[in-house]
Amino acid sequence: MGTFQGGLIAAPCTARYCAVGAGVGVSTFELVAFDRALRQAGFADYNLLRVSSILPAGVQLLPAIDLPKGSLVPVAYGVFSSSEEGRTIAAAVALAFPQDPKEIGVIMEAEGYMSEQEARELVAAMAEEAMEDRNLTIGRLEVVAAAATVELCTAVFAGVALW
């Protein structure tokens, strides 16, 4: 049921689907590197709205975003860029789906100067702890990550789109 706000009825909106992606982009321009990382992840043709890290109950994981290009898409993500040549950078997200599909799950993100394996382990550990905090049992844990050795300006991105 919606609530009355200044003459408008605000209806609750809960995502039914999600998709994950990760990518790396390199350019002389930071924003172009970010765009290239988004393109590799499958998120470049959407307007991303950064959201916090809750998976709605019953959300279904799909292989890609299934919305018209240019759509506003809620996304929980980690992104990192650097121009420190030779450094390793990574971004990762973990999705902890609950054993009981009527419960919520969590999304955890990490990014920074680290290896892909370190990023994967970090987000998995955070997702496990966040689910424990909620007294929820993980039914399935998905992790996606991107890592790169920096050249020019390099960006890494890992995200979960919700719609």
Protein backbone atom coordinates (compact mmCIF):
# COMPACT_ATOMS: atom_id res chain seq x y z
CA MET A 1 0.00 0.00 0.00
CA GLY A 2 1.33 3.43 -0.92
CA THR A 3 1.71 6.47 1.28
CA PHE A 4 0.47 10.02 0.69
CA GLN A 5 3.32 12.49 0.03
CA GLY A 6 2.49 16.01 -1.11
CA GLY A 7 -0.41 15.00 -3.31
CA LEU A 8 1.29 11.94 -4.79
CA ILE A 9 0.94 8.31 -3.85
CA ALA A 10 4.38 6.71 -3.40
CA ALA A 11 4.15 2.99 -4.11
CA PRO A 12 6.75 0.63 -2.70
CA CYS A 13 9.08 -0.69 -5.38
CA THR A 14 10.79 -4.03 -4.97
CA ALA A 15 13.12 -5.48 -7.56
CA ARG A 16 12.21 -8.89 -8.97
CA TYR A 17 15.37 -9.46 -11.01
CA CYS A 18 19.09 -8.88 -10.74
CA ALA A 19 22.13 -9.29 -12.98
CA VAL A 20 25.83 -9.14 -12.20
CA GLY A 21 28.79 -7.94 -14.17
CA ALA A 22 32.44 -7.01 -13.82
CA GLY A 23 34.86 -5.29 -16.14
CA VAL A 24 38.11 -3.43 -16.73
CA GLY A 25 38.66 -0.29 -18.77
CA VAL A 26 41.83 1.55 -19.79
CA SER A 27 42.18 5.03 -21.28
CA THR A 28 44.11 8.25 -20.95
CA PHE A 29 40.85 9.64 -19.47
CA GLU A 30 39.46 8.37 -16.17
CA LEU A 31 35.81 8.68 -17.23
CA VAL A 32 36.43 6.82 -20.49
CA ALA A 33 38.23 4.05 -18.54
CA PHE A 34 35.16 3.82 -16.27
CA ASP A 35 32.82 3.70 -19.29
CA ARG A 36 34.91 0.92 -20.85
CA ALA A 37 34.78 -1.07 -17.60
CA LEU A 38 30.99 -0.61 -17.55
CA ARG A 39 30.77 -1.75 -21.17
CA GLN A 40 32.76 -4.91 -20.43
CA ALA A 41 30.46 -5.58 -17.45
CA GLY A 42 27.30 -5.07 -19.53
CA PHE A 43 26.21 -1.92 -17.63
CA ALA A 44 27.38 0.92 -19.94
CA ASP A 45 24.14 1.70 -21.73
CA TYR A 46 22.14 2.42 -18.57
CA ASN A 47 21.91 5.30 -16.10
CA LEU A 48 23.14 3.77 -12.86
CA LEU A 49 21.54 4.76 -9.57
CA ARG A 50 23.80 3.65 -6.72
CA VAL A 51 21.90 1.80 -4.00
CA SER A 52 22.76 0.08 -0.75
CA SER A 53 23.27 -3.62 -0.46
CA ILE A 54 20.05 -5.56 0.03
CA LEU A 55 18.74 -8.31 -2.25
CA PRO A 56 14.95 -8.29 -2.16
CA ALA A 57 13.21 -11.51 -1.14
CA GLY A 58 12.67 -13.84 -4.10
CA VAL A 59 14.85 -11.86 -6.52
CA GLN A 60 15.84 -13.91 -9.57
CA LEU A 61 19.37 -13.77 -11.04
CA LEU A 62 19.37 -13.28 -14.82
CA PRO A 63 22.37 -13.42 -17.18
CA ALA A 64 22.09 -9.75 -18.23
CA ILE A 65 20.11 -6.56 -17.66
CA ASP A 66 16.79 -6.90 -19.48
CA LEU A 67 15.67 -3.26 -19.78
CA PRO A 68 15.64 -0.71 -22.60
CA LYS A 69 18.95 1.10 -23.09
CA GLY A 70 19.02 4.43 -21.27
CA SER A 71 16.86 3.15 -18.39
CA LEU A 72 17.49 4.24 -14.81
CA VAL A 73 18.83 1.12 -13.08
CA PRO A 74 19.48 0.68 -9.35
CA VAL A 75 22.96 -0.82 -8.93
CA ALA A 76 25.05 -1.82 -5.91
CA TYR A 77 28.66 -1.64 -7.06
CA GLY A 78 32.33 -1.29 -6.35
CA VAL A 79 34.50 0.81 -8.65
CA PHE A 80 38.11 1.88 -8.45
CA SER A 81 40.45 3.70 -10.79
CA SER A 82 44.14 4.46 -10.68
CA SER A 83 46.96 5.91 -12.74
CA GLU A 84 49.72 4.32 -10.63
CA GLU A 85 51.29 2.21 -13.35
CA GLY A 86 52.14 -1.34 -12.35
CA ARG A 87 49.81 -1.45 -9.32
CA THR A 88 47.11 -4.13 -9.13
CA ILE A 89 43.55 -2.97 -8.58
CA ALA A 90 40.33 -4.94 -8.15
CA ALA A 91 36.60 -4.58 -7.57
CA ALA A 92 34.23 -7.33 -6.49
CA VAL A 93 30.66 -7.93 -5.38
CA ALA A 94 29.14 -10.88 -3.53
CA LEU A 95 25.47 -11.79 -3.56
CA ALA A 96 24.30 -13.88 -0.61
CA PHE A 97 20.95 -15.43 -1.44
CA PRO A 98 19.08 -16.74 1.61
CA GLN A 99 18.15 -20.39 2.00
CA ASP A 100 14.55 -19.24 2.56
CA PRO A 101 13.45 -17.36 -0.59
CA LYS A 102 10.95 -15.35 1.48
CA GLU A 103 13.86 -13.63 3.27
CA ILE A 104 16.13 -10.85 2.01
CA GLY A 105 19.74 -11.40 1.01
CA VAL A 106 22.74 -9.07 0.95
CA ILE A 107 25.17 -7.63 -1.56
CA MET A 108 28.68 -6.70 -0.45
CA GLU A 109 31.14 -4.64 -2.50
CA ALA A 110 34.88 -4.02 -2.27
CA GLU A 111 37.42 -2.17 -4.35
CA GLY A 112 40.97 -0.95 -4.10
CA TYR A 113 44.61 -1.91 -4.40
CA MET A 114 44.34 -5.69 -4.11
CA SER A 115 44.36 -8.86 -6.19
CA GLU A 116 41.21 -10.38 -7.65
CA GLN A 117 41.47 -13.25 -5.17
CA GLU A 118 41.76 -10.85 -2.23
CA ALA A 119 38.70 -8.92 -3.45
CA ARG A 120 36.71 -12.15 -3.89
CA GLU A 121 37.61 -13.40 -0.42
CA LEU A 122 36.83 -10.03 1.16
CA VAL A 123 33.32 -9.68 -0.29
CA ALA A 124 32.49 -13.32 0.48
CA ALA A 125 33.54 -12.88 4.11
CA MET A 126 31.54 -9.64 4.40
CA ALA A 127 28.44 -11.29 2.91
CA GLU A 128 28.72 -14.23 5.30
CA GLU A 129 29.02 -11.90 8.31
CA ALA A 130 26.13 -9.67 7.17
CA MET A 131 23.87 -12.71 6.77
CA GLU A 132 24.94 -14.01 10.19
CA ASP A 133 24.06 -10.62 11.68
CA ARG A 134 20.55 -11.09 10.30
CA ASN A 135 20.30 -14.71 11.52
CA LEU A 136 19.90 -15.83 7.92
CA THR A 137 21.38 -18.94 6.32
CA ILE A 138 23.06 -18.55 2.93
CA GLY A 139 21.52 -20.77 0.30
CA ARG A 140 23.77 -19.59 -2.52
CA LEU A 141 26.74 -17.23 -2.72
CA GLU A 142 27.72 -15.64 -6.04
CA VAL A 143 30.90 -13.56 -6.43
CA VAL A 144 32.03 -11.55 -9.45
CA ALA A 145 35.24 -9.57 -9.69
CA ALA A 146 37.52 -7.70 -12.05
CA ALA A 147 41.21 -6.97 -11.58
CA ALA A 148 43.94 -5.37 -13.63
CA THR A 149 47.50 -4.15 -13.58
CA VAL A 150 47.31 -0.38 -14.02
CA GLU A 151 48.43 1.22 -17.27
CA LEU A 152 47.50 4.76 -18.27
CA CYS A 153 44.30 5.24 -16.27
CA THR A 154 42.67 1.93 -15.42
CA ALA A 155 39.22 1.38 -13.92
CA VAL A 156 37.71 -1.77 -12.46
CA PHE A 157 33.99 -2.25 -11.83
CA ALA A 158 31.83 -4.98 -10.30
CA GLY A 159 28.12 -4.52 -9.79
CA VAL A 160 24.67 -5.94 -9.23
CA ALA A 161 21.76 -4.37 -11.14
CA LEU A 162 18.28 -4.62 -9.60
CA TRP A 163 14.98 -4.11 -11.40
